[in-house]
Amino acid sequence: MFLVLLVVPVIALCRLATRENWFMLASIPVTASFFTYLAYWRDKRSAEAGERRIPEITLHLAELIGGWPGAFLAQRKFRHKTSKFSYQVVFWVVVMLHQYVALDSLLGWRLAKGAVHLFRA
């Protein structure tokens, strides 16, 4: 499932990389994912030790800035935040938002342009 979720965003990044610095484009989500993965690891260890936790909003912001792949992997590796329904709802909204933006960029921003026309009418 993880690889399937990466297909559209990777294609969108590759397409954008023909016009922009590909290294910079790739480094943003990779770095965000790495630090998000570490944040999940730290939060899991803190939970087990009864120590102060990382706020959920912080984890969600890390996912939103591009760290959702790291969060996805960390959730499965550490079995962390997987059974809390409210957390999973927000996590999957973030993942779907990234999918939507990637797909829309591949479609020449047709979906966003259509939404703008709806609100102008």
N, C-alpha and C. Protein backbone atom coordinates (compact mmCIF):
# COMPACT_ATOMS: atom_id res chain seq x y z
N MET A 1 0.82 -1.19 0.00
CA MET A 1 0.00 0.00 0.00
C MET A 1 0.87 1.26 0.00
N PHE A 2 1.97 1.20 0.75
CA PHE A 2 2.87 2.35 0.83
C PHE A 2 3.36 2.75 -0.56
N LEU A 3 3.79 1.79 -1.34
CA LEU A 3 4.30 2.10 -2.68
C LEU A 3 3.21 2.66 -3.58
N VAL A 4 2.01 2.17 -3.45
CA VAL A 4 0.89 2.68 -4.24
C VAL A 4 0.64 4.15 -3.90
N LEU A 5 0.70 4.49 -2.61
CA LEU A 5 0.49 5.87 -2.19
C LEU A 5 1.60 6.81 -2.67
N LEU A 6 2.76 6.27 -2.95
CA LEU A 6 3.87 7.10 -3.42
C LEU A 6 3.86 7.36 -4.92
N VAL A 7 3.12 6.56 -5.69
CA VAL A 7 3.18 6.65 -7.15
C VAL A 7 2.85 8.05 -7.66
N VAL A 8 1.69 8.56 -7.36
CA VAL A 8 1.26 9.85 -7.90
C VAL A 8 2.15 10.99 -7.40
N PRO A 9 2.46 11.09 -6.10
CA PRO A 9 3.36 12.16 -5.68
C PRO A 9 4.76 12.09 -6.31
N VAL A 10 5.29 10.90 -6.48
CA VAL A 10 6.62 10.77 -7.10
C VAL A 10 6.57 11.19 -8.56
N ILE A 11 5.53 10.78 -9.27
CA ILE A 11 5.39 11.19 -10.67
C ILE A 11 5.27 12.71 -10.76
N ALA A 12 4.47 13.29 -9.87
CA ALA A 12 4.31 14.75 -9.87
C ALA A 12 5.63 15.46 -9.58
N LEU A 13 6.40 14.94 -8.61
CA LEU A 13 7.70 15.53 -8.32
C LEU A 13 8.67 15.39 -9.48
N CYS A 14 8.65 14.24 -10.14
CA CYS A 14 9.52 14.03 -11.29
C CYS A 14 9.18 14.99 -12.42
N ARG A 15 7.91 15.20 -12.62
CA ARG A 15 7.48 16.14 -13.67
C ARG A 15 7.91 17.55 -13.32
N LEU A 16 7.76 17.93 -12.08
CA LEU A 16 8.17 19.26 -11.64
C LEU A 16 9.69 19.39 -11.68
N ALA A 17 10.39 18.31 -11.46
CA ALA A 17 11.85 18.33 -11.44
C ALA A 17 12.46 18.66 -12.79
N THR A 18 11.69 18.53 -13.86
CA THR A 18 12.22 18.90 -15.17
C THR A 18 12.36 20.42 -15.29
N ARG A 19 11.62 21.17 -14.44
CA ARG A 19 11.68 22.63 -14.47
C ARG A 19 12.42 23.21 -13.27
N GLU A 20 12.56 22.45 -12.21
CA GLU A 20 13.16 22.95 -10.98
C GLU A 20 14.35 22.07 -10.59
N ASN A 21 15.04 22.45 -9.54
CA ASN A 21 16.17 21.69 -9.03
C ASN A 21 15.65 20.38 -8.42
N TRP A 22 15.90 19.26 -9.06
CA TRP A 22 15.35 17.97 -8.62
C TRP A 22 15.86 17.58 -7.24
N PHE A 23 17.12 17.92 -6.94
CA PHE A 23 17.67 17.55 -5.64
C PHE A 23 16.92 18.25 -4.51
N MET A 24 16.64 19.53 -4.69
CA MET A 24 15.92 20.28 -3.68
C MET A 24 14.50 19.75 -3.54
N LEU A 25 13.85 19.47 -4.65
CA LEU A 25 12.49 18.94 -4.61
C LEU A 25 12.42 17.59 -3.89
N ALA A 26 13.36 16.73 -4.15
CA ALA A 26 13.37 15.41 -3.51
C ALA A 26 13.78 15.49 -2.05
N SER A 27 14.66 16.43 -1.72
CA SER A 27 15.16 16.49 -0.35
C SER A 27 14.09 16.96 0.65
N ILE A 28 13.14 17.74 0.20
CA ILE A 28 12.11 18.25 1.12
C ILE A 28 11.27 17.11 1.70
N PRO A 29 10.61 16.28 0.87
CA PRO A 29 9.81 15.21 1.46
C PRO A 29 10.67 14.13 2.14
N VAL A 30 11.85 13.87 1.63
CA VAL A 30 12.72 12.86 2.25
C VAL A 30 13.15 13.32 3.64
N THR A 31 13.57 14.58 3.74
CA THR A 31 13.98 15.12 5.04
C THR A 31 12.80 15.20 6.00
N ALA A 32 11.65 15.67 5.51
CA ALA A 32 10.46 15.75 6.36
C ALA A 32 10.05 14.36 6.85
N SER A 33 10.13 13.37 5.98
CA SER A 33 9.78 12.00 6.36
C SER A 33 10.74 11.45 7.39
N PHE A 34 12.02 11.73 7.22
CA PHE A 34 13.03 11.26 8.17
C PHE A 34 12.76 11.82 9.56
N PHE A 35 12.53 13.14 9.64
CA PHE A 35 12.30 13.75 10.94
C PHE A 35 10.95 13.36 11.53
N THR A 36 9.96 13.13 10.69
CA THR A 36 8.66 12.67 11.17
C THR A 36 8.79 11.26 11.74
N TYR A 37 9.53 10.41 11.06
CA TYR A 37 9.78 9.06 11.54
C TYR A 37 10.45 9.11 12.92
N LEU A 38 11.46 9.98 13.05
CA LEU A 38 12.14 10.12 14.34
C LEU A 38 11.20 10.66 15.43
N ALA A 39 10.31 11.57 15.05
CA ALA A 39 9.36 12.11 16.02
C ALA A 39 8.42 11.02 16.52
N TYR A 40 7.96 10.15 15.63
CA TYR A 40 7.12 9.03 16.03
C TYR A 40 7.89 8.09 16.97
N TRP A 41 9.14 7.82 16.63
CA TRP A 41 9.97 6.95 17.47
C TRP A 41 10.11 7.54 18.87
N ARG A 42 10.41 8.85 18.91
CA ARG A 42 10.58 9.51 20.20
C ARG A 42 9.28 9.51 21.00
N ASP A 43 8.16 9.78 20.32
CA ASP A 43 6.88 9.81 21.00
C ASP A 43 6.51 8.43 21.54
N LYS A 44 6.80 7.40 20.79
CA LYS A 44 6.53 6.03 21.24
C LYS A 44 7.36 5.72 22.49
N ARG A 45 8.64 6.05 22.45
CA ARG A 45 9.51 5.80 23.60
C ARG A 45 9.04 6.60 24.82
N SER A 46 8.63 7.85 24.60
CA SER A 46 8.12 8.67 25.70
C SER A 46 6.85 8.07 26.29
N ALA A 47 5.98 7.56 25.44
CA ALA A 47 4.73 6.95 25.90
C ALA A 47 5.04 5.72 26.76
N GLU A 48 5.97 4.92 26.31
CA GLU A 48 6.33 3.71 27.06
C GLU A 48 6.96 4.04 28.42
N ALA A 49 7.70 5.15 28.47
CA ALA A 49 8.39 5.54 29.70
C ALA A 49 7.54 6.43 30.59
N GLY A 50 6.34 6.79 30.13
CA GLY A 50 5.48 7.66 30.91
C GLY A 50 5.98 9.09 30.98
N GLU A 51 6.77 9.48 29.99
CA GLU A 51 7.32 10.83 29.94
C GLU A 51 6.44 11.76 29.11
N ARG A 52 6.84 13.01 29.06
CA ARG A 52 6.11 14.00 28.27
C ARG A 52 6.12 13.61 26.80
N ARG A 53 4.95 13.74 26.17
CA ARG A 53 4.75 13.31 24.78
C ARG A 53 4.86 14.47 23.80
N ILE A 54 5.05 14.13 22.55
CA ILE A 54 4.99 15.11 21.47
C ILE A 54 3.51 15.36 21.18
N PRO A 55 3.08 16.62 21.15
CA PRO A 55 1.66 16.89 20.87
C PRO A 55 1.24 16.34 19.50
N GLU A 56 0.03 15.83 19.43
CA GLU A 56 -0.47 15.26 18.17
C GLU A 56 -0.45 16.29 17.06
N ILE A 57 -0.76 17.53 17.37
CA ILE A 57 -0.76 18.57 16.33
C ILE A 57 0.63 18.71 15.71
N THR A 58 1.67 18.52 16.50
CA THR A 58 3.04 18.60 15.99
C THR A 58 3.31 17.45 15.02
N LEU A 59 2.86 16.25 15.38
CA LEU A 59 3.02 15.11 14.48
C LEU A 59 2.25 15.34 13.18
N HIS A 60 1.03 15.87 13.30
CA HIS A 60 0.23 16.12 12.09
C HIS A 60 0.86 17.22 11.22
N LEU A 61 1.42 18.24 11.83
CA LEU A 61 2.09 19.28 11.04
C LEU A 61 3.30 18.71 10.30
N ALA A 62 4.02 17.82 10.96
CA ALA A 62 5.16 17.17 10.31
C ALA A 62 4.69 16.34 9.11
N GLU A 63 3.55 15.67 9.25
CA GLU A 63 2.98 14.91 8.13
C GLU A 63 2.58 15.85 7.01
N LEU A 64 1.97 16.96 7.37
CA LEU A 64 1.45 17.91 6.39
C LEU A 64 2.55 18.54 5.56
N ILE A 65 3.70 18.84 6.16
CA ILE A 65 4.77 19.49 5.40
C ILE A 65 5.52 18.51 4.50
N GLY A 66 5.07 17.28 4.46
CA GLY A 66 5.66 16.30 3.56
C GLY A 66 6.16 15.05 4.24
N GLY A 67 5.99 14.95 5.53
CA GLY A 67 6.50 13.81 6.26
C GLY A 67 5.54 12.64 6.39
N TRP A 68 4.45 12.65 5.64
CA TRP A 68 3.48 11.56 5.77
C TRP A 68 4.07 10.19 5.42
N PRO A 69 5.00 10.08 4.44
CA PRO A 69 5.57 8.73 4.21
C PRO A 69 6.33 8.21 5.43
N GLY A 70 7.09 9.08 6.08
CA GLY A 70 7.80 8.67 7.30
C GLY A 70 6.83 8.30 8.41
N ALA A 71 5.73 9.04 8.51
CA ALA A 71 4.71 8.73 9.51
C ALA A 71 4.06 7.38 9.22
N PHE A 72 3.77 7.13 7.96
CA PHE A 72 3.16 5.86 7.55
C PHE A 72 4.05 4.69 7.97
N LEU A 73 5.34 4.80 7.64
CA LEU A 73 6.29 3.73 7.99
C LEU A 73 6.45 3.59 9.50
N ALA A 74 6.54 4.72 10.20
CA ALA A 74 6.73 4.68 11.65
C ALA A 74 5.52 4.07 12.35
N GLN A 75 4.32 4.39 11.87
CA GLN A 75 3.12 3.83 12.49
C GLN A 75 3.16 2.30 12.42
N ARG A 76 3.59 1.78 11.31
CA ARG A 76 3.63 0.33 11.17
C ARG A 76 4.81 -0.29 11.92
N LYS A 77 5.95 0.35 11.87
CA LYS A 77 7.14 -0.19 12.53
C LYS A 77 6.99 -0.20 14.05
N PHE A 78 6.50 0.91 14.61
CA PHE A 78 6.43 1.04 16.07
C PHE A 78 5.05 0.73 16.62
N ARG A 79 4.08 0.44 15.73
CA ARG A 79 2.69 0.21 16.14
C ARG A 79 2.23 1.35 17.04
N HIS A 80 2.42 2.55 16.51
CA HIS A 80 2.15 3.77 17.27
C HIS A 80 1.12 4.61 16.54
N LYS A 81 0.09 5.03 17.26
CA LYS A 81 -0.99 5.87 16.75
C LYS A 81 -1.87 5.13 15.75
N THR A 82 -1.80 3.83 15.72
CA THR A 82 -2.57 3.07 14.74
C THR A 82 -3.98 2.74 15.20
N SER A 83 -4.23 2.74 16.49
CA SER A 83 -5.55 2.36 16.97
C SER A 83 -6.39 3.55 17.44
N LYS A 84 -5.82 4.72 17.43
CA LYS A 84 -6.58 5.91 17.84
C LYS A 84 -7.31 6.47 16.61
N PHE A 85 -8.61 6.25 16.58
CA PHE A 85 -9.42 6.57 15.41
C PHE A 85 -9.32 8.05 15.01
N SER A 86 -9.45 8.94 15.98
CA SER A 86 -9.42 10.37 15.65
C SER A 86 -8.07 10.78 15.05
N TYR A 87 -7.01 10.16 15.52
CA TYR A 87 -5.69 10.46 14.97
C TYR A 87 -5.60 9.95 13.53
N GLN A 88 -6.08 8.75 13.31
CA GLN A 88 -6.01 8.15 11.98
C GLN A 88 -6.84 8.93 10.95
N VAL A 89 -7.97 9.48 11.39
CA VAL A 89 -8.79 10.27 10.47
C VAL A 89 -7.98 11.46 9.96
N VAL A 90 -7.35 12.18 10.86
CA VAL A 90 -6.55 13.35 10.45
C VAL A 90 -5.36 12.91 9.61
N PHE A 91 -4.71 11.84 10.00
CA PHE A 91 -3.56 11.34 9.23
C PHE A 91 -3.97 11.04 7.79
N TRP A 92 -5.08 10.33 7.61
CA TRP A 92 -5.50 9.96 6.26
C TRP A 92 -6.02 11.15 5.47
N VAL A 93 -6.56 12.15 6.13
CA VAL A 93 -6.92 13.39 5.44
C VAL A 93 -5.66 14.06 4.89
N VAL A 94 -4.61 14.08 5.68
CA VAL A 94 -3.33 14.65 5.24
C VAL A 94 -2.79 13.87 4.04
N VAL A 95 -2.80 12.55 4.12
CA VAL A 95 -2.31 11.73 3.01
C VAL A 95 -3.12 12.00 1.75
N MET A 96 -4.46 12.04 1.88
CA MET A 96 -5.31 12.28 0.71
C MET A 96 -5.12 13.69 0.16
N LEU A 97 -4.85 14.65 1.02
CA LEU A 97 -4.56 16.00 0.56
C LEU A 97 -3.31 16.02 -0.31
N HIS A 98 -2.29 15.31 0.12
CA HIS A 98 -1.07 15.22 -0.68
C HIS A 98 -1.35 14.52 -2.02
N GLN A 99 -2.17 13.48 -2.00
CA GLN A 99 -2.53 12.78 -3.23
C GLN A 99 -3.29 13.73 -4.17
N TYR A 100 -4.23 14.48 -3.61
CA TYR A 100 -5.04 15.42 -4.39
C TYR A 100 -4.16 16.47 -5.06
N VAL A 101 -3.27 17.08 -4.29
CA VAL A 101 -2.39 18.13 -4.83
C VAL A 101 -1.48 17.55 -5.92
N ALA A 102 -0.93 16.38 -5.69
CA ALA A 102 -0.06 15.75 -6.69
C ALA A 102 -0.84 15.45 -7.97
N LEU A 103 -2.03 14.87 -7.83
CA LEU A 103 -2.85 14.56 -9.00
C LEU A 103 -3.25 15.83 -9.73
N ASP A 104 -3.67 16.84 -8.99
CA ASP A 104 -4.07 18.09 -9.62
C ASP A 104 -2.91 18.73 -10.37
N SER A 105 -1.71 18.66 -9.82
CA SER A 105 -0.55 19.22 -10.53
C SER A 105 -0.30 18.48 -11.83
N LEU A 106 -0.51 17.17 -11.83
CA LEU A 106 -0.35 16.39 -13.06
C LEU A 106 -1.44 16.72 -14.09
N LEU A 107 -2.58 17.15 -13.62
CA LEU A 107 -3.69 17.52 -14.51
C LEU A 107 -3.65 18.99 -14.90
N GLY A 108 -2.56 19.65 -14.63
CA GLY A 108 -2.44 21.06 -14.99
C GLY A 108 -3.28 21.96 -14.11
N TRP A 109 -3.51 21.55 -12.89
CA TRP A 109 -4.26 22.31 -11.89
C TRP A 109 -5.72 22.52 -12.30
N ARG A 110 -6.26 21.59 -13.08
CA ARG A 110 -7.67 21.69 -13.52
C ARG A 110 -8.64 21.68 -12.35
N LEU A 111 -8.39 20.84 -11.34
CA LEU A 111 -9.31 20.76 -10.20
C LEU A 111 -9.32 22.07 -9.41
N ALA A 112 -8.16 22.64 -9.18
CA ALA A 112 -8.07 23.90 -8.45
C ALA A 112 -8.71 25.03 -9.26
N LYS A 113 -8.45 25.06 -10.56
CA LYS A 113 -9.04 26.10 -11.41
C LYS A 113 -10.56 25.97 -11.44
N GLY A 114 -11.06 24.75 -11.47
CA GLY A 114 -12.51 24.52 -11.45
C GLY A 114 -13.12 25.00 -10.14
N ALA A 115 -12.44 24.77 -9.04
CA ALA A 115 -12.93 25.22 -7.74
C ALA A 115 -12.96 26.73 -7.67
N VAL A 116 -11.96 27.39 -8.23
CA VAL A 116 -11.92 28.85 -8.24
C VAL A 116 -13.09 29.39 -9.05
N HIS A 117 -13.38 28.76 -10.20
CA HIS A 117 -14.51 29.22 -11.02
C HIS A 117 -15.84 29.03 -10.29
N LEU A 118 -15.99 27.96 -9.52
CA LEU A 118 -17.21 27.75 -8.76
C LEU A 118 -17.44 28.86 -7.74
N PHE A 119 -16.37 29.28 -7.07
CA PHE A 119 -16.49 30.29 -6.03
C PHE A 119 -16.65 31.70 -6.60
N ARG A 120 -16.23 31.91 -7.83
CA ARG A 120 -16.38 33.22 -8.46
C ARG A 120 -17.79 33.43 -8.99
N ALA A 121 -18.47 32.34 -9.27
CA ALA A 121 -19.81 32.45 -9.86
C ALA A 121 -20.86 32.88 -8.87
